[in-house]
């Protein structure tokens, strides 16, 4: 019985993970706008337990300049040189709000594109 449960779990995950990634990619693509932000510099912030590297960014959206800061996993400022770029997703309803989507490029899979084409296709039965 245990091998069947393990097999069913693997099959479920093999279907669920790409499907979730596809739906998330469609949501992000339709609701957030990818923009290349310019890296202005980096600085460290220390708390009692942790140390974080913050990256200062600027980006232009609708001919307006916005500034923001985001945390990154790397603790090496060399990974984020001033003048470089970083892909961010901007909320068109609140352009001052942006977010890094670390998996954005990964989720442009064939299944995501196929699912998007099916969801975006007009309903031919009406």
C-alpha atoms as a PDB file:
ATOM      1  CA  UNK A   1       0.000   0.000   0.000  1.00  0.00           C
ATOM      2  CA  UNK A   2       2.841   2.407   0.825  1.00  0.00           C
ATOM      3  CA  UNK A   3       4.374   2.332  -2.705  1.00  0.00           C
ATOM      4  CA  UNK A   4       0.993   3.332  -4.174  1.00  0.00           C
ATOM      5  CA  UNK A   5       0.726   6.298  -1.816  1.00  0.00           C
ATOM      6  CA  UNK A   6       4.265   7.396  -2.652  1.00  0.00           C
ATOM      7  CA  UNK A   7       3.568   7.026  -6.382  1.00  0.00           C
ATOM      8  CA  UNK A   8       0.295   8.974  -6.103  1.00  0.00           C
ATOM      9  CA  UNK A   9       2.079  11.719  -4.172  1.00  0.00           C
ATOM     10  CA  UNK A  10       4.781  12.035  -6.832  1.00  0.00           C
ATOM     11  CA  UNK A  11       2.199  12.195  -9.618  1.00  0.00           C
ATOM     12  CA  UNK A  12       0.148  14.776  -7.706  1.00  0.00           C
ATOM     13  CA  UNK A  13       3.210  16.979  -7.122  1.00  0.00           C
ATOM     14  CA  UNK A  14       4.329  16.584 -10.736  1.00  0.00           C
ATOM     15  CA  UNK A  15       0.982  18.032 -11.832  1.00  0.00           C
ATOM     16  CA  UNK A  16       0.306  20.499  -8.993  1.00  0.00           C
ATOM     17  CA  UNK A  17       3.645  22.349  -8.949  1.00  0.00           C
ATOM     18  CA  UNK A  18       3.704  23.304 -12.667  1.00  0.00           C
ATOM     19  CA  UNK A  19      -0.001  24.157 -12.528  1.00  0.00           C
ATOM     20  CA  UNK A  20       0.511  26.423  -9.513  1.00  0.00           C
ATOM     21  CA  UNK A  21       3.533  28.048 -11.178  1.00  0.00           C
ATOM     22  CA  UNK A  22       1.514  28.606 -14.338  1.00  0.00           C
ATOM     23  CA  UNK A  23      -1.429  30.207 -12.573  1.00  0.00           C
ATOM     24  CA  UNK A  24       0.918  32.397 -10.533  1.00  0.00           C
ATOM     25  CA  UNK A  25       2.784  33.470 -13.680  1.00  0.00           C
ATOM     26  CA  UNK A  26      -0.495  34.395 -15.374  1.00  0.00           C
ATOM     27  CA  UNK A  27      -1.568  36.431 -12.336  1.00  0.00           C
ATOM     28  CA  UNK A  28       1.768  38.238 -12.185  1.00  0.00           C
ATOM     29  CA  UNK A  29       1.814  38.904 -15.926  1.00  0.00           C
ATOM     30  CA  UNK A  30      -1.705  40.328 -15.952  1.00  0.00           C
ATOM     31  CA  UNK A  31      -1.550  42.341 -12.737  1.00  0.00           C
ATOM     32  CA  UNK A  32       2.072  43.484 -12.302  1.00  0.00           C
ATOM     33  CA  UNK A  33       4.423  45.083 -14.782  1.00  0.00           C
ATOM     34  CA  UNK A  34       8.048  43.883 -15.044  1.00  0.00           C
ATOM     35  CA  UNK A  35      10.543  46.744 -15.094  1.00  0.00           C
ATOM     36  CA  UNK A  36      14.336  46.863 -14.938  1.00  0.00           C
ATOM     37  CA  UNK A  37      15.259  49.022 -11.961  1.00  0.00           C
ATOM     38  CA  UNK A  38      18.651  50.695 -11.654  1.00  0.00           C
ATOM     39  CA  UNK A  39      20.740  49.806  -8.616  1.00  0.00           C
ATOM     40  CA  UNK A  40      21.813  52.973  -6.806  1.00  0.00           C
ATOM     41  CA  UNK A  41      23.796  51.286  -4.051  1.00  0.00           C
ATOM     42  CA  UNK A  42      23.732  48.827  -1.162  1.00  0.00           C
ATOM     43  CA  UNK A  43      23.978  48.988   2.598  1.00  0.00           C
ATOM     44  CA  UNK A  44      23.803  46.593   5.539  1.00  0.00           C
ATOM     45  CA  UNK A  45      21.247  46.593   8.317  1.00  0.00           C
ATOM     46  CA  UNK A  46      21.934  44.683  11.510  1.00  0.00           C
ATOM     47  CA  UNK A  47      19.390  43.449  13.992  1.00  0.00           C
ATOM     48  CA  UNK A  48      20.018  41.582  17.228  1.00  0.00           C
ATOM     49  CA  UNK A  49      19.950  38.246  15.384  1.00  0.00           C
ATOM     50  CA  UNK A  50      20.489  38.903  11.679  1.00  0.00           C
ATOM     51  CA  UNK A  51      22.305  40.981   9.124  1.00  0.00           C
ATOM     52  CA  UNK A  52      20.608  42.022   5.887  1.00  0.00           C
ATOM     53  CA  UNK A  53      21.864  43.526   2.657  1.00  0.00           C
ATOM     54  CA  UNK A  54      19.519  46.201   1.333  1.00  0.00           C
ATOM     55  CA  UNK A  55      19.633  47.330  -2.288  1.00  0.00           C
ATOM     56  CA  UNK A  56      18.517  50.868  -3.156  1.00  0.00           C
ATOM     57  CA  UNK A  57      16.712  51.011  -6.500  1.00  0.00           C
ATOM     58  CA  UNK A  58      15.233  53.604  -8.839  1.00  0.00           C
ATOM     59  CA  UNK A  59      12.823  52.911 -11.676  1.00  0.00           C
ATOM     60  CA  UNK A  60      10.658  54.876 -14.078  1.00  0.00           C
ATOM     61  CA  UNK A  61       6.957  54.107 -14.407  1.00  0.00           C
ATOM     62  CA  UNK A  62       4.549  56.312 -16.398  1.00  0.00           C
ATOM     63  CA  UNK A  63       7.286  58.930 -16.837  1.00  0.00           C
ATOM     64  CA  UNK A  64       7.753  59.298 -13.069  1.00  0.00           C
ATOM     65  CA  UNK A  65      10.866  58.341 -11.120  1.00  0.00           C
ATOM     66  CA  UNK A  66      10.374  56.091  -8.089  1.00  0.00           C
ATOM     67  CA  UNK A  67      12.855  55.022  -5.427  1.00  0.00           C
ATOM     68  CA  UNK A  68      12.759  52.011  -3.168  1.00  0.00           C
ATOM     69  CA  UNK A  69      14.749  49.494  -1.185  1.00  0.00           C
ATOM     70  CA  UNK A  70      14.595  45.723  -1.226  1.00  0.00           C
ATOM     71  CA  UNK A  71      16.320  42.991   0.732  1.00  0.00           C
ATOM     72  CA  UNK A  72      18.369  40.336  -1.020  1.00  0.00           C
ATOM     73  CA  UNK A  73      19.658  36.942   0.038  1.00  0.00           C
ATOM     74  CA  UNK A  74      23.268  37.594  -0.832  1.00  0.00           C
ATOM     75  CA  UNK A  75      25.443  39.325   1.723  1.00  0.00           C
ATOM     76  CA  UNK A  76      28.006  40.310  -0.882  1.00  0.00           C
ATOM     77  CA  UNK A  77      27.497  43.858  -2.218  1.00  0.00           C
ATOM     78  CA  UNK A  78      29.650  42.956  -5.245  1.00  0.00           C
ATOM     79  CA  UNK A  79      26.653  40.962  -6.553  1.00  0.00           C
ATOM     80  CA  UNK A  80      24.683  44.234  -6.838  1.00  0.00           C
ATOM     81  CA  UNK A  81      26.969  46.909  -8.310  1.00  0.00           C
ATOM     82  CA  UNK A  82      25.808  50.519  -8.523  1.00  0.00           C
ATOM     83  CA  UNK A  83      24.538  51.226 -12.021  1.00  0.00           C
ATOM     84  CA  UNK A  84      23.482  47.621 -12.576  1.00  0.00           C
ATOM     85  CA  UNK A  85      19.894  46.534 -13.065  1.00  0.00           C
ATOM     86  CA  UNK A  86      17.478  44.334 -11.166  1.00  0.00           C
ATOM     87  CA  UNK A  87      14.138  43.086 -12.468  1.00  0.00           C
ATOM     88  CA  UNK A  88      11.218  44.201 -10.310  1.00  0.00           C
ATOM     89  CA  UNK A  89       7.466  43.879 -10.640  1.00  0.00           C
ATOM     90  CA  UNK A  90       5.499  47.110 -10.232  1.00  0.00           C
ATOM     91  CA  UNK A  91       1.883  47.319  -9.148  1.00  0.00           C
ATOM     92  CA  UNK A  92       0.213  49.580 -11.752  1.00  0.00           C
ATOM     93  CA  UNK A  93      -2.395  50.683  -9.202  1.00  0.00           C
ATOM     94  CA  UNK A  94       0.326  51.740  -6.747  1.00  0.00           C
ATOM     95  CA  UNK A  95       3.477  52.440  -8.784  1.00  0.00           C
ATOM     96  CA  UNK A  96       5.463  53.248  -5.655  1.00  0.00           C
ATOM     97  CA  UNK A  97       4.978  49.612  -4.578  1.00  0.00           C
ATOM     98  CA  UNK A  98       7.258  47.032  -6.177  1.00  0.00           C
ATOM     99  CA  UNK A  99       8.391  43.533  -5.405  1.00  0.00           C
ATOM    100  CA  UNK A 100      11.103  41.199  -6.560  1.00  0.00           C
ATOM    101  CA  UNK A 101       9.703  37.986  -7.876  1.00  0.00           C
ATOM    102  CA  UNK A 102      12.626  35.629  -7.655  1.00  0.00           C
ATOM    103  CA  UNK A 103      10.888  32.925  -9.692  1.00  0.00           C
ATOM    104  CA  UNK A 104       9.470  35.111 -12.446  1.00  0.00           C
ATOM    105  CA  UNK A 105      11.801  33.850 -15.181  1.00  0.00           C
ATOM    106  CA  UNK A 106      11.412  30.213 -14.136  1.00  0.00           C
ATOM    107  CA  UNK A 107       7.649  30.348 -14.464  1.00  0.00           C
ATOM    108  CA  UNK A 108       7.649  31.178 -18.175  1.00  0.00           C
ATOM    109  CA  UNK A 109       7.215  27.496 -18.916  1.00  0.00           C
ATOM    110  CA  UNK A 110       5.458  25.883 -21.854  1.00  0.00           C
ATOM    111  CA  UNK A 111       2.558  24.823 -19.683  1.00  0.00           C
ATOM    112  CA  UNK A 112       2.185  28.399 -18.404  1.00  0.00           C
ATOM    113  CA  UNK A 113       2.078  29.781 -21.925  1.00  0.00           C
ATOM    114  CA  UNK A 114      -0.365  27.083 -23.045  1.00  0.00           C
ATOM    115  CA  UNK A 115      -2.638  27.678 -20.050  1.00  0.00           C
ATOM    116  CA  UNK A 116      -2.548  31.431 -20.619  1.00  0.00           C
ATOM    117  CA  UNK A 117      -3.540  30.987 -24.266  1.00  0.00           C
ATOM    118  CA  UNK A 118      -6.469  28.803 -23.228  1.00  0.00           C
ATOM    119  CA  UNK A 119      -7.630  31.243 -20.542  1.00  0.00           C
ATOM    120  CA  UNK A 120      -7.204  34.281 -22.794  1.00  0.00           C
ATOM    121  CA  UNK A 121      -8.993  32.719 -25.780  1.00  0.00           C
ATOM    122  CA  UNK A 122     -12.481  34.092 -26.359  1.00  0.00           C
ATOM    123  CA  UNK A 123     -15.378  31.824 -25.470  1.00  0.00           C
ATOM    124  CA  UNK A 124     -16.576  30.355 -28.758  1.00  0.00           C
ATOM    125  CA  UNK A 125     -19.785  28.880 -27.310  1.00  0.00           C
ATOM    126  CA  UNK A 126     -21.442  32.230 -26.589  1.00  0.00           C
END
